[in-house]
PDB file of N, CA and C in Angstrom:
ATOM      1  N   MET A   1      11.800 -23.351-117.421  1.00  0.00           N
ATOM      2  CA  MET A   1      12.975 -23.241-118.248  1.00  0.00           C
ATOM      3  C   MET A   1      14.074 -22.550-117.443  1.00  0.00           C
ATOM      4  N   ILE A   2      15.293 -22.998-117.631  1.00  0.00           N
ATOM      5  CA  ILE A   2      16.422 -22.407-116.919  1.00  0.00           C
ATOM      6  C   ILE A   2      16.982 -21.265-117.763  1.00  0.00           C
ATOM      7  N   LYS A   3      17.206 -20.129-117.132  1.00  0.00           N
ATOM      8  CA  LYS A   3      17.808 -18.989-117.831  1.00  0.00           C
ATOM      9  C   LYS A   3      19.131 -18.664-117.143  1.00  0.00           C
ATOM     10  N   PHE A   4      20.171 -18.653-117.936  1.00  0.00           N
ATOM     11  CA  PHE A   4      21.496 -18.352-117.426  1.00  0.00           C
ATOM     12  C   PHE A   4      21.798 -16.878-117.617  1.00  0.00           C
ATOM     13  N   LEU A   5      22.494 -16.309-116.671  1.00  0.00           N
ATOM     14  CA  LEU A   5      22.878 -14.908-116.770  1.00  0.00           C
ATOM     15  C   LEU A   5      24.229 -14.812-117.465  1.00  0.00           C
ATOM     16  N   GLY A   6      24.316 -13.982-118.434  1.00  0.00           N
ATOM     17  CA  GLY A   6      25.591 -13.759-119.108  1.00  0.00           C
ATOM     18  C   GLY A   6      25.884 -14.773-120.192  1.00  0.00           C
ATOM     19  N   LYS A   7      26.964 -14.499-120.917  1.00  0.00           N
ATOM     20  CA  LYS A   7      27.396 -15.318-122.034  1.00  0.00           C
ATOM     21  C   LYS A   7      28.280 -16.453-121.519  1.00  0.00           C
ATOM     22  N   ARG A   8      28.218 -17.611-122.151  1.00  0.00           N
ATOM     23  CA  ARG A   8      29.072 -18.723-121.779  1.00  0.00           C
ATOM     24  C   ARG A   8      30.498 -18.416-122.238  1.00  0.00           C
ATOM     25  N   VAL A   9      31.416 -18.401-121.289  1.00  0.00           N
ATOM     26  CA  VAL A   9      32.811 -18.096-121.598  1.00  0.00           C
ATOM     27  C   VAL A   9      33.681 -19.220-121.057  1.00  0.00           C
ATOM     28  N   PRO A  10      34.403 -19.909-121.952  1.00  0.00           N
ATOM     29  CA  PRO A  10      35.296 -20.963-121.441  1.00  0.00           C
ATOM     30  C   PRO A  10      36.457 -20.345-120.656  1.00  0.00           C
ATOM     31  N   PRO A  11      37.021 -21.074-119.684  1.00  0.00           N
ATOM     32  CA  PRO A  11      38.140 -20.524-118.927  1.00  0.00           C
ATOM     33  C   PRO A  11      39.319 -20.221-119.841  1.00  0.00           C
ATOM     34  N   ALA A  12      40.111 -19.236-119.467  1.00  0.00           N
ATOM     35  CA  ALA A  12      41.252 -18.817-120.289  1.00  0.00           C
ATOM     36  C   ALA A  12      42.299 -19.923-120.395  1.00  0.00           C
ATOM     37  N   ASN A  13      42.591 -20.593-119.299  1.00  0.00           N
ATOM     38  CA  ASN A  13      43.549 -21.703-119.360  1.00  0.00           C
ATOM     39  C   ASN A  13      43.057 -22.830-118.465  1.00  0.00           C
ATOM     40  N   VAL A  14      43.199 -24.054-118.956  1.00  0.00           N
ATOM     41  CA  VAL A  14      42.753 -25.237-118.235  1.00  0.00           C
ATOM     42  C   VAL A  14      43.941 -26.179-118.112  1.00  0.00           C
ATOM     43  N   ASP A  15      44.175 -26.654-116.914  1.00  0.00           N
ATOM     44  CA  ASP A  15      45.279 -27.590-116.667  1.00  0.00           C
ATOM     45  C   ASP A  15      44.797 -29.009-116.966  1.00  0.00           C
ATOM     46  N   HIS A  16      45.308 -29.591-118.048  1.00  0.00           N
ATOM     47  CA  HIS A  16      44.923 -30.940-118.454  1.00  0.00           C
ATOM     48  C   HIS A  16      45.943 -31.981-118.014  1.00  0.00           C
ATOM     49  N   SER A  17      46.908 -31.582-117.219  1.00  0.00           N
ATOM     50  CA  SER A  17      47.908 -32.558-116.782  1.00  0.00           C
ATOM     51  C   SER A  17      47.268 -33.554-115.825  1.00  0.00           C
ATOM     52  N   PRO A  18      47.693 -34.829-115.890  1.00  0.00           N
ATOM     53  CA  PRO A  18      47.094 -35.828-115.005  1.00  0.00           C
ATOM     54  C   PRO A  18      47.435 -35.553-113.547  1.00  0.00           C
ATOM     55  N   HIS A  19      46.472 -35.808-112.678  1.00  0.00           N
ATOM     56  CA  HIS A  19      46.691 -35.644-111.245  1.00  0.00           C
ATOM     57  C   HIS A  19      45.825 -36.657-110.507  1.00  0.00           C
ATOM     58  N   ALA A  20      46.209 -36.942-109.283  1.00  0.00           N
ATOM     59  CA  ALA A  20      45.467 -37.916-108.478  1.00  0.00           C
ATOM     60  C   ALA A  20      44.115 -37.344-108.084  1.00  0.00           C
ATOM     61  N   HIS A  21      43.166 -38.213-107.902  1.00  0.00           N
ATOM     62  CA  HIS A  21      41.836 -37.802-107.457  1.00  0.00           C
ATOM     63  C   HIS A  21      41.959 -37.195-106.059  1.00  0.00           C
ATOM     64  N   PRO A  22      41.184 -36.159-105.769  1.00  0.00           N
ATOM     65  CA  PRO A  22      41.283 -35.534-104.445  1.00  0.00           C
ATOM     66  C   PRO A  22      41.014 -36.492-103.286  1.00  0.00           C
ATOM     67  N   ALA A  23      40.208 -37.531-103.501  1.00  0.00           N
ATOM     68  CA  ALA A  23      39.910 -38.487-102.439  1.00  0.00           C
ATOM     69  C   ALA A  23      40.857 -39.682-102.427  1.00  0.00           C
ATOM     70  N   SER A  24      41.889 -39.670-103.261  1.00  0.00           N
ATOM     71  CA  SER A  24      42.833 -40.775-103.319  1.00  0.00           C
ATOM     72  C   SER A  24      43.592 -40.903-102.009  1.00  0.00           C
ATOM     73  N   PRO A  25      43.719 -42.123-101.475  1.00  0.00           N
ATOM     74  CA  PRO A  25      44.421 -42.262-100.203  1.00  0.00           C
ATOM     75  C   PRO A  25      45.915 -41.946-100.302  1.00  0.00           C
ATOM     76  N   SER A  26      46.517 -42.197-101.457  1.00  0.00           N
ATOM     77  CA  SER A  26      47.960 -41.967-101.577  1.00  0.00           C
ATOM     78  C   SER A  26      48.305 -40.614-102.193  1.00  0.00           C
ATOM     79  N   GLN A  27      47.340 -39.977-102.868  1.00  0.00           N
ATOM     80  CA  GLN A  27      47.558 -38.688-103.538  1.00  0.00           C
ATOM     81  C   GLN A  27      48.688 -38.748-104.572  1.00  0.00           C
ATOM     82  N   THR A  28      48.974 -39.933-105.102  1.00  0.00           N
ATOM     83  CA  THR A  28      49.993 -40.070-106.139  1.00  0.00           C
ATOM     84  C   THR A  28      49.427 -40.885-107.289  1.00  0.00           C
ATOM     85  N   LEU A  29      49.979 -40.669-108.462  1.00  0.00           N
ATOM     86  CA  LEU A  29      49.610 -41.449-109.640  1.00  0.00           C
ATOM     87  C   LEU A  29      50.566 -42.630-109.770  1.00  0.00           C
ATOM     88  N   PRO A  30      50.113 -43.743-110.340  1.00  0.00           N
ATOM     89  CA  PRO A  30      51.036 -44.855-110.571  1.00  0.00           C
ATOM     90  C   PRO A  30      52.056 -44.475-111.641  1.00  0.00           C
ATOM     91  N   ASP A  31      53.215 -45.118-111.587  1.00  0.00           N
ATOM     92  CA  ASP A  31      54.267 -44.845-112.574  1.00  0.00           C
ATOM     93  C   ASP A  31      53.814 -45.215-113.982  1.00  0.00           C
ATOM     94  N   SER A  32      53.125 -46.340-114.089  1.00  0.00           N
ATOM     95  CA  SER A  32      52.630 -46.779-115.391  1.00  0.00           C
ATOM     96  C   SER A  32      51.417 -47.668-115.171  1.00  0.00           C
ATOM     97  N   PHE A  33      50.712 -47.965-116.238  1.00  0.00           N
ATOM     98  CA  PHE A  33      49.554 -48.834-116.132  1.00  0.00           C
ATOM     99  C   PHE A  33      49.971 -50.232-115.706  1.00  0.00           C
ATOM    100  N   ALA A  34      51.145 -50.668-116.150  1.00  0.00           N
ATOM    101  CA  ALA A  34      51.632 -52.005-115.794  1.00  0.00           C
ATOM    102  C   ALA A  34      51.859 -52.119-114.289  1.00  0.00           C
ATOM    103  N   THR A  35      52.440 -51.089-113.665  1.00  0.00           N
ATOM    104  CA  THR A  35      52.659 -51.163-112.215  1.00  0.00           C
ATOM    105  C   THR A  35      51.334 -51.067-111.463  1.00  0.00           C
ATOM    106  N   TYR A  36      50.400 -50.297-111.992  1.00  0.00           N
ATOM    107  CA  TYR A  36      49.077 -50.240-111.372  1.00  0.00           C
ATOM    108  C   TYR A  36      48.408 -51.604-111.415  1.00  0.00           C
ATOM    109  N   ARG A  37      48.497 -52.269-112.562  1.00  0.00           N
ATOM    110  CA  ARG A  37      47.830 -53.554-112.746  1.00  0.00           C
ATOM    111  C   ARG A  37      48.424 -54.640-111.859  1.00  0.00           C
ATOM    112  N   GLN A  38      49.707 -54.520-111.502  1.00  0.00           N
ATOM    113  CA  GLN A  38      50.329 -55.497-110.618  1.00  0.00           C
ATOM    114  C   GLN A  38      49.659 -55.505-109.246  1.00  0.00           C
ATOM    115  N   LYS A  39      49.195 -54.342-108.795  1.00  0.00           N
ATOM    116  CA  LYS A  39      48.605 -54.236-107.461  1.00  0.00           C
ATOM    117  C   LYS A  39      47.078 -54.266-107.470  1.00  0.00           C
ATOM    118  N   ALA A  40      46.467 -54.066-108.626  1.00  0.00           N
ATOM    119  CA  ALA A  40      45.008 -53.956-108.699  1.00  0.00           C
ATOM    120  C   ALA A  40      44.340 -55.311-108.536  1.00  0.00           C
ATOM    121  N   GLN A  41      43.148 -55.299-107.950  1.00  0.00           N
ATOM    122  CA  GLN A  41      42.356 -56.517-107.815  1.00  0.00           C
ATOM    123  C   GLN A  41      40.914 -56.216-108.157  1.00  0.00           C
ATOM    124  N   GLN A  42      40.294 -57.145-108.842  1.00  0.00           N
ATOM    125  CA  GLN A  42      38.867 -57.071-109.115  1.00  0.00           C
ATOM    126  C   GLN A  42      38.369 -58.502-109.084  1.00  0.00           C
ATOM    127  N   HIS A  43      37.719 -58.879-108.018  1.00  0.00           N
ATOM    128  CA  HIS A  43      37.269 -60.257-107.815  1.00  0.00           C
ATOM    129  C   HIS A  43      38.467 -61.198-107.833  1.00  0.00           C
ATOM    130  N   GLY A  44      39.583 -60.769-107.282  1.00  0.00           N
ATOM    131  CA  GLY A  44      40.801 -61.562-107.252  1.00  0.00           C
ATOM    132  C   GLY A  44      41.902 -60.834-107.997  1.00  0.00           C
ATOM    133  N   PRO A  45      43.130 -61.318-107.903  1.00  0.00           N
ATOM    134  CA  PRO A  45      44.250 -60.649-108.576  1.00  0.00           C
ATOM    135  C   PRO A  45      44.062 -60.604-110.089  1.00  0.00           C
ATOM    136  N   LEU A  46      44.500 -59.511-110.711  1.00  0.00           N
ATOM    137  CA  LEU A  46      44.392 -59.391-112.167  1.00  0.00           C
ATOM    138  C   LEU A  46      45.548 -60.084-112.873  1.00  0.00           C
ATOM    139  N   THR A  47      46.626 -60.337-112.164  1.00  0.00           N
ATOM    140  CA  THR A  47      47.759 -61.019-112.780  1.00  0.00           C
ATOM    141  C   THR A  47      47.461 -62.508-112.838  1.00  0.00           C
ATOM    142  N   HIS A  48      47.997 -63.157-113.823  1.00  0.00           N
ATOM    143  CA  HIS A  48      47.764 -64.590-114.003  1.00  0.00           C
ATOM    144  C   HIS A  48      49.000 -65.343-113.570  1.00  0.00           C
ATOM    145  N   SER A  49      48.800 -66.369-112.768  1.00  0.00           N
ATOM    146  CA  SER A  49      49.946 -67.195-112.397  1.00  0.00           C
ATOM    147  C   SER A  49      50.139 -68.252-113.470  1.00  0.00           C
ATOM    148  N   SER A  50      51.296 -68.829-113.504  1.00  0.00           N
ATOM    149  CA  SER A  50      51.599 -69.815-114.539  1.00  0.00           C
ATOM    150  C   SER A  50      50.779 -71.086-114.350  1.00  0.00           C
ATOM    151  N   ASN A  51      50.275 -71.341-113.120  1.00  0.00           N
ATOM    152  CA  ASN A  51      49.486 -72.548-112.884  1.00  0.00           C
ATOM    153  C   ASN A  51      48.203 -72.553-113.702  1.00  0.00           C
ATOM    154  N   TYR A  52      47.597 -71.386-113.882  1.00  0.00           N
ATOM    155  CA  TYR A  52      46.340 -71.336-114.611  1.00  0.00           C
ATOM    156  C   TYR A  52      46.544 -71.537-116.109  1.00  0.00           C
ATOM    157  N   HIS A  53      47.664 -71.083-116.620  1.00  0.00           N
ATOM    158  CA  HIS A  53      47.902 -71.201-118.058  1.00  0.00           C
ATOM    159  C   HIS A  53      48.325 -72.609-118.447  1.00  0.00           C
ATOM    160  N   SER A  54      48.883 -73.356-117.513  1.00  0.00           N
ATOM    161  CA  SER A  54      49.373 -74.693-117.860  1.00  0.00           C
ATOM    162  C   SER A  54      48.309 -75.760-117.667  1.00  0.00           C
ATOM    163  N   GLY A  55      47.103 -75.371-117.304  1.00  0.00           N
ATOM    164  CA  GLY A  55      46.048 -76.352-117.109  1.00  0.00           C
ATOM    165  C   GLY A  55      46.165 -77.066-115.774  1.00  0.00           C
ATOM    166  N   ALA A  56      46.823 -76.455-114.814  1.00  0.00           N
ATOM    167  CA  ALA A  56      47.067 -77.109-113.533  1.00  0.00           C
ATOM    168  C   ALA A  56      46.064 -76.681-112.473  1.00  0.00           C
ATOM    169  N   ILE A  57      44.900 -76.217-112.880  1.00  0.00           N
ATOM    170  CA  ILE A  57      43.889 -75.838-111.906  1.00  0.00           C
ATOM    171  C   ILE A  57      43.468 -77.097-111.158  1.00  0.00           C
ATOM    172  N   GLY A  58      43.465 -77.022-109.858  1.00  0.00           N
ATOM    173  CA  GLY A  58      43.101 -78.181-109.055  1.00  0.00           C
ATOM    174  C   GLY A  58      44.262 -79.097-108.762  1.00  0.00           C
ATOM    175  N   SER A  59      45.468 -78.685-109.117  1.00  0.00           N
ATOM    176  CA  SER A  59      46.611 -79.554-108.869  1.00  0.00           C
ATOM    177  C   SER A  59      47.048 -79.525-107.414  1.00  0.00           C
ATOM    178  N   HIS A  60      46.588 -78.523-106.649  1.00  0.00           N
ATOM    179  CA  HIS A  60      46.937 -78.445-105.234  1.00  0.00           C
ATOM    180  C   HIS A  60      45.769 -78.975-104.414  1.00  0.00           C
ATOM    181  N   SER A  61      46.085 -79.654-103.320  1.00  0.00           N
ATOM    182  CA  SER A  61      45.029 -80.160-102.459  1.00  0.00           C
ATOM    183  C   SER A  61      44.405 -79.006-101.694  1.00  0.00           C
ATOM    184  N   GLY A  62      43.177 -79.185-101.256  1.00  0.00           N
ATOM    185  CA  GLY A  62      42.506 -78.159-100.478  1.00  0.00           C
ATOM    186  C   GLY A  62      43.231 -77.879 -99.174  1.00  0.00           C
ATOM    187  N   HIS A  63      43.826 -78.911 -98.594  1.00  0.00           N
ATOM    188  CA  HIS A  63      44.553 -78.729 -97.331  1.00  0.00           C
ATOM    189  C   HIS A  63      45.758 -77.810 -97.513  1.00  0.00           C
ATOM    190  N   SER A  64      46.411 -77.895 -98.657  1.00  0.00           N
ATOM    191  CA  SER A  64      47.600 -77.066 -98.884  1.00  0.00           C
ATOM    192  C   SER A  64      47.254 -75.601 -99.104  1.00  0.00           C
ATOM    193  N   LEU A  65      45.996 -75.313 -99.428  1.00  0.00           N
ATOM    194  CA  LEU A  65      45.580 -73.934 -99.647  1.00  0.00           C
ATOM    195  C   LEU A  65      45.336 -73.184 -98.348  1.00  0.00           C
ATOM    196  N   GLY A  66      45.234 -73.885 -97.239  1.00  0.00           N
ATOM    197  CA  GLY A  66      45.083 -73.226 -95.949  1.00  0.00           C
ATOM    198  C   GLY A  66      43.676 -73.336 -95.402  1.00  0.00           C
ATOM    199  N   SER A  67      43.483 -72.711 -94.258  1.00  0.00           N
ATOM    200  CA  SER A  67      42.222 -72.795 -93.539  1.00  0.00           C
ATOM    201  C   SER A  67      41.124 -71.999 -94.240  1.00  0.00           C
ATOM    202  N   VAL A  68      39.910 -72.497 -94.125  1.00  0.00           N
ATOM    203  CA  VAL A  68      38.763 -71.765 -94.649  1.00  0.00           C
ATOM    204  C   VAL A  68      37.992 -71.089 -93.523  1.00  0.00           C
ATOM    205  N   GLU A  69      38.507 -71.160 -92.310  1.00  0.00           N
ATOM    206  CA  GLU A  69      37.881 -70.485 -91.186  1.00  0.00           C
ATOM    207  C   GLU A  69      38.187 -68.993 -91.261  1.00  0.00           C
ATOM    208  N   PRO A  70      37.228 -68.155 -90.889  1.00  0.00           N
ATOM    209  CA  PRO A  70      37.502 -66.710 -90.909  1.00  0.00           C
ATOM    210  C   PRO A  70      38.531 -66.341 -89.847  1.00  0.00           C
ATOM    211  N   GLY A  71      39.329 -65.339 -90.157  1.00  0.00           N
ATOM    212  CA  GLY A  71      40.336 -64.870 -89.218  1.00  0.00           C
ATOM    213  C   GLY A  71      39.696 -64.125 -88.065  1.00  0.00           C
ATOM    214  N   ARG A  72      40.529 -63.702 -87.124  1.00  0.00           N
ATOM    215  CA  ARG A  72      40.023 -62.979 -85.961  1.00  0.00           C
ATOM    216  C   ARG A  72      39.433 -61.645 -86.440  1.00  0.00           C
ATOM    217  N   GLY A  73      38.213 -61.347 -86.007  1.00  0.00           N
ATOM    218  CA  GLY A  73      37.550 -60.117 -86.403  1.00  0.00           C
ATOM    219  C   GLY A  73      36.867 -60.190 -87.753  1.00  0.00           C
ATOM    220  N   GLU A  74      36.853 -61.356 -88.395  1.00  0.00           N
ATOM    221  CA  GLU A  74      36.204 -61.527 -89.692  1.00  0.00           C
ATOM    222  C   GLU A  74      35.030 -62.486 -89.553  1.00  0.00           C
ATOM    223  N   VAL A  75      34.014 -62.279 -90.351  1.00  0.00           N
ATOM    224  CA  VAL A  75      32.876 -63.196 -90.400  1.00  0.00           C
ATOM    225  C   VAL A  75      32.520 -63.422 -91.857  1.00  0.00           C
ATOM    226  N   PHE A  76      31.927 -64.568 -92.138  1.00  0.00           N
ATOM    227  CA  PHE A  76      31.510 -64.875 -93.496  1.00  0.00           C
ATOM    228  C   PHE A  76      30.050 -64.519 -93.734  1.00  0.00           C
ATOM    229  N   ASP A  77      29.265 -64.429 -92.680  1.00  0.00           N
ATOM    230  CA  ASP A  77      27.848 -64.171 -92.833  1.00  0.00           C
ATOM    231  C   ASP A  77      27.391 -63.185 -91.770  1.00  0.00           C
ATOM    232  N   ARG A  78      26.423 -62.354 -92.114  1.00  0.00           N
ATOM    233  CA  ARG A  78      25.928 -61.345 -91.183  1.00  0.00           C
ATOM    234  C   ARG A  78      25.332 -61.990 -89.931  1.00  0.00           C
ATOM    235  N   SER A  79      24.821 -63.205 -90.054  1.00  0.00           N
ATOM    236  CA  SER A  79      24.224 -63.867 -88.895  1.00  0.00           C
ATOM    237  C   SER A  79      25.280 -64.272 -87.873  1.00  0.00           C
ATOM    238  N   ASP A  80      26.547 -64.266 -88.255  1.00  0.00           N
ATOM    239  CA  ASP A  80      27.626 -64.580 -87.325  1.00  0.00           C
ATOM    240  C   ASP A  80      28.036 -63.378 -86.481  1.00  0.00           C
ATOM    241  N   LEU A  81      27.531 -62.200 -86.816  1.00  0.00           N
ATOM    242  CA  LEU A  81      27.882 -60.982 -86.087  1.00  0.00           C
ATOM    243  C   LEU A  81      27.149 -60.918 -84.754  1.00  0.00           C
ATOM    244  N   PRO A  82      27.621 -60.081 -83.826  1.00  0.00           N
ATOM    245  CA  PRO A  82      26.856 -59.857 -82.598  1.00  0.00           C
ATOM    246  C   PRO A  82      25.476 -59.292 -82.937  1.00  0.00           C
ATOM    247  N   SER A  83      24.522 -59.485 -82.040  1.00  0.00           N
ATOM    248  CA  SER A  83      23.126 -59.137 -82.333  1.00  0.00           C
ATOM    249  C   SER A  83      22.941 -57.660 -82.668  1.00  0.00           C
ATOM    250  N   ARG A  84      23.774 -56.780 -82.134  1.00  0.00           N
ATOM    251  CA  ARG A  84      23.583 -55.351 -82.418  1.00  0.00           C
ATOM    252  C   ARG A  84      23.884 -54.998 -83.875  1.00  0.00           C
ATOM    253  N   PHE A  85      24.583 -55.875 -84.601  1.00  0.00           N
ATOM    254  CA  PHE A  85      24.899 -55.627 -86.007  1.00  0.00           C
ATOM    255  C   PHE A  85      23.990 -56.384 -86.957  1.00  0.00           C
ATOM    256  N   ARG A  86      23.108 -57.211 -86.446  1.00  0.00           N
ATOM    257  CA  ARG A  86      22.233 -57.996 -87.306  1.00  0.00           C
ATOM    258  C   ARG A  86      21.082 -57.150 -87.818  1.00  0.00           C
ATOM    259  N   ARG A  87      20.465 -57.620 -88.878  1.00  0.00           N
ATOM    260  CA  ARG A  87      19.293 -56.928 -89.404  1.00  0.00           C
ATOM    261  C   ARG A  87      18.130 -57.125 -88.451  1.00  0.00           C
ATOM    262  N   THR A  88      17.360 -56.077 -88.275  1.00  0.00           N
ATOM    263  CA  THR A  88      16.168 -56.198 -87.433  1.00  0.00           C
ATOM    264  C   THR A  88      15.061 -56.839 -88.254  1.00  0.00           C
ATOM    265  N   PRO A  89      14.274 -57.702 -87.640  1.00  0.00           N
ATOM    266  CA  PRO A  89      13.201 -58.345 -88.405  1.00  0.00           C
ATOM    267  C   PRO A  89      12.100 -57.347 -88.748  1.00  0.00           C
ATOM    268  N   TRP A  90      11.412 -57.605 -89.862  1.00  0.00           N
ATOM    269  CA  TRP A  90      10.320 -56.734 -90.293  1.00  0.00           C
ATOM    270  C   TRP A  90       9.118 -56.944 -89.384  1.00  0.00           C
ATOM    271  N   THR A  91       8.440 -55.870 -89.053  1.00  0.00           N
ATOM    272  CA  THR A  91       7.182 -55.982 -88.312  1.00  0.00           C
ATOM    273  C   THR A  91       6.055 -56.172 -89.316  1.00  0.00           C
ATOM    274  N   GLN A  92       4.927 -56.676 -88.826  1.00  0.00           N
ATOM    275  CA  GLN A  92       3.790 -56.879 -89.722  1.00  0.00           C
ATOM    276  C   GLN A  92       3.302 -55.555 -90.290  1.00  0.00           C
ATOM    277  N   ALA A  93       3.376 -54.477 -89.500  1.00  0.00           N
ATOM    278  CA  ALA A  93       2.952 -53.158 -89.983  1.00  0.00           C
ATOM    279  C   ALA A  93       3.849 -52.686 -91.132  1.00  0.00           C
ATOM    280  N   GLU A  94       5.154 -52.951 -91.029  1.00  0.00           N
ATOM    281  CA  GLU A  94       6.078 -52.559 -92.112  1.00  0.00           C
ATOM    282  C   GLU A  94       5.811 -53.376 -93.363  1.00  0.00           C
ATOM    283  N   ILE A  95       5.543 -54.659 -93.205  1.00  0.00           N
ATOM    284  CA  ILE A  95       5.249 -55.524 -94.351  1.00  0.00           C
ATOM    285  C   ILE A  95       3.982 -55.048 -95.050  1.00  0.00           C
ATOM    286  N   ASP A  96       2.935 -54.734 -94.256  1.00  0.00           N
ATOM    287  CA  ASP A  96       1.685 -54.245 -94.843  1.00  0.00           C
ATOM    288  C   ASP A  96       1.889 -52.910 -95.560  1.00  0.00           C
ATOM    289  N   ALA A  97       2.698 -52.027 -94.997  1.00  0.00           N
ATOM    290  CA  ALA A  97       2.944 -50.730 -95.617  1.00  0.00           C
ATOM    291  C   ALA A  97       3.675 -50.902 -96.950  1.00  0.00           C
ATOM    292  N   ILE A  98       4.629 -51.818 -97.015  1.00  0.00           N
ATOM    293  CA  ILE A  98       5.375 -52.043 -98.265  1.00  0.00           C
ATOM    294  C   ILE A  98       4.450 -52.680 -99.319  1.00  0.00           C
ATOM    295  N   GLU A  99       3.688 -53.676 -98.912  1.00  0.00           N
ATOM    296  CA  GLU A  99       2.816 -54.380 -99.874  1.00  0.00           C
ATOM    297  C   GLU A  99       1.711 -53.475-100.417  1.00  0.00           C
ATOM    298  N   SER A 100       1.284 -52.494 -99.629  1.00  0.00           N
ATOM    299  CA  SER A 100       0.213 -51.621-100.096  1.00  0.00           C
ATOM    300  C   SER A 100       0.751 -50.339-100.744  1.00  0.00           C
ATOM    301  N   GLY A 101       2.057 -50.235-100.840  1.00  0.00           N
ATOM    302  CA  GLY A 101       2.649 -49.035-101.413  1.00  0.00           C
ATOM    303  C   GLY A 101       2.530 -47.837-100.476  1.00  0.00           C
ATOM    304  N   GLY A 102       2.337 -48.099 -99.196  1.00  0.00           N
ATOM    305  CA  GLY A 102       2.235 -47.029 -98.209  1.00  0.00           C
ATOM    306  C   GLY A 102       0.806 -46.614 -97.913  1.00  0.00           C
ATOM    307  N   ALA A 103      -0.153 -47.102 -98.702  1.00  0.00           N
ATOM    308  CA  ALA A 103      -1.538 -46.680 -98.521  1.00  0.00           C
ATOM    309  C   ALA A 103      -2.126 -47.184 -97.210  1.00  0.00           C
ATOM    310  N   SER A 104      -1.657 -48.304 -96.708  1.00  0.00           N
ATOM    311  CA  SER A 104      -2.209 -48.854 -95.465  1.00  0.00           C
ATOM    312  C   SER A 104      -1.868 -48.010 -94.262  1.00  0.00           C
ATOM    313  N   MET A 105      -0.871 -47.146 -94.396  1.00  0.00           N
ATOM    314  CA  MET A 105      -0.496 -46.290 -93.281  1.00  0.00           C
ATOM    315  C   MET A 105      -1.513 -45.177 -93.066  1.00  0.00           C
ATOM    316  N   PHE A 106      -2.274 -44.856 -94.095  1.00  0.00           N
ATOM    317  CA  PHE A 106      -3.223 -43.742 -94.016  1.00  0.00           C
ATOM    318  C   PHE A 106      -4.665 -44.202 -94.025  1.00  0.00           C
ATOM    319  N   ALA A 107      -4.891 -45.506 -94.037  1.00  0.00           N
ATOM    320  CA  ALA A 107      -6.269 -46.010 -94.092  1.00  0.00           C
ATOM    321  C   ALA A 107      -6.871 -46.132 -92.717  1.00  0.00           C
TER     322      ALA A 107
END
């Protein structure tokens, strides 16, 4: 059981004013939620273009959308990376240790 020393005393004054998170890269708050949402992305832009609302999905050719090749310094798959960045293959001893829950290491 945990025993605390002394009586619980709330702080005399607490600053509830909004402030940026200490790890925030800009250390500033957005002006409003609307301006934040203009720049925010989650699996793509959060703003909707008029093309999607008018039922025009697929109205542009794939060629007009640009190249699907990765840019310089970008890769689409880990296997495209240099060998020093690839995953190391599992050894048979590691596979046996995982399958036995670690018991094979002590047998």
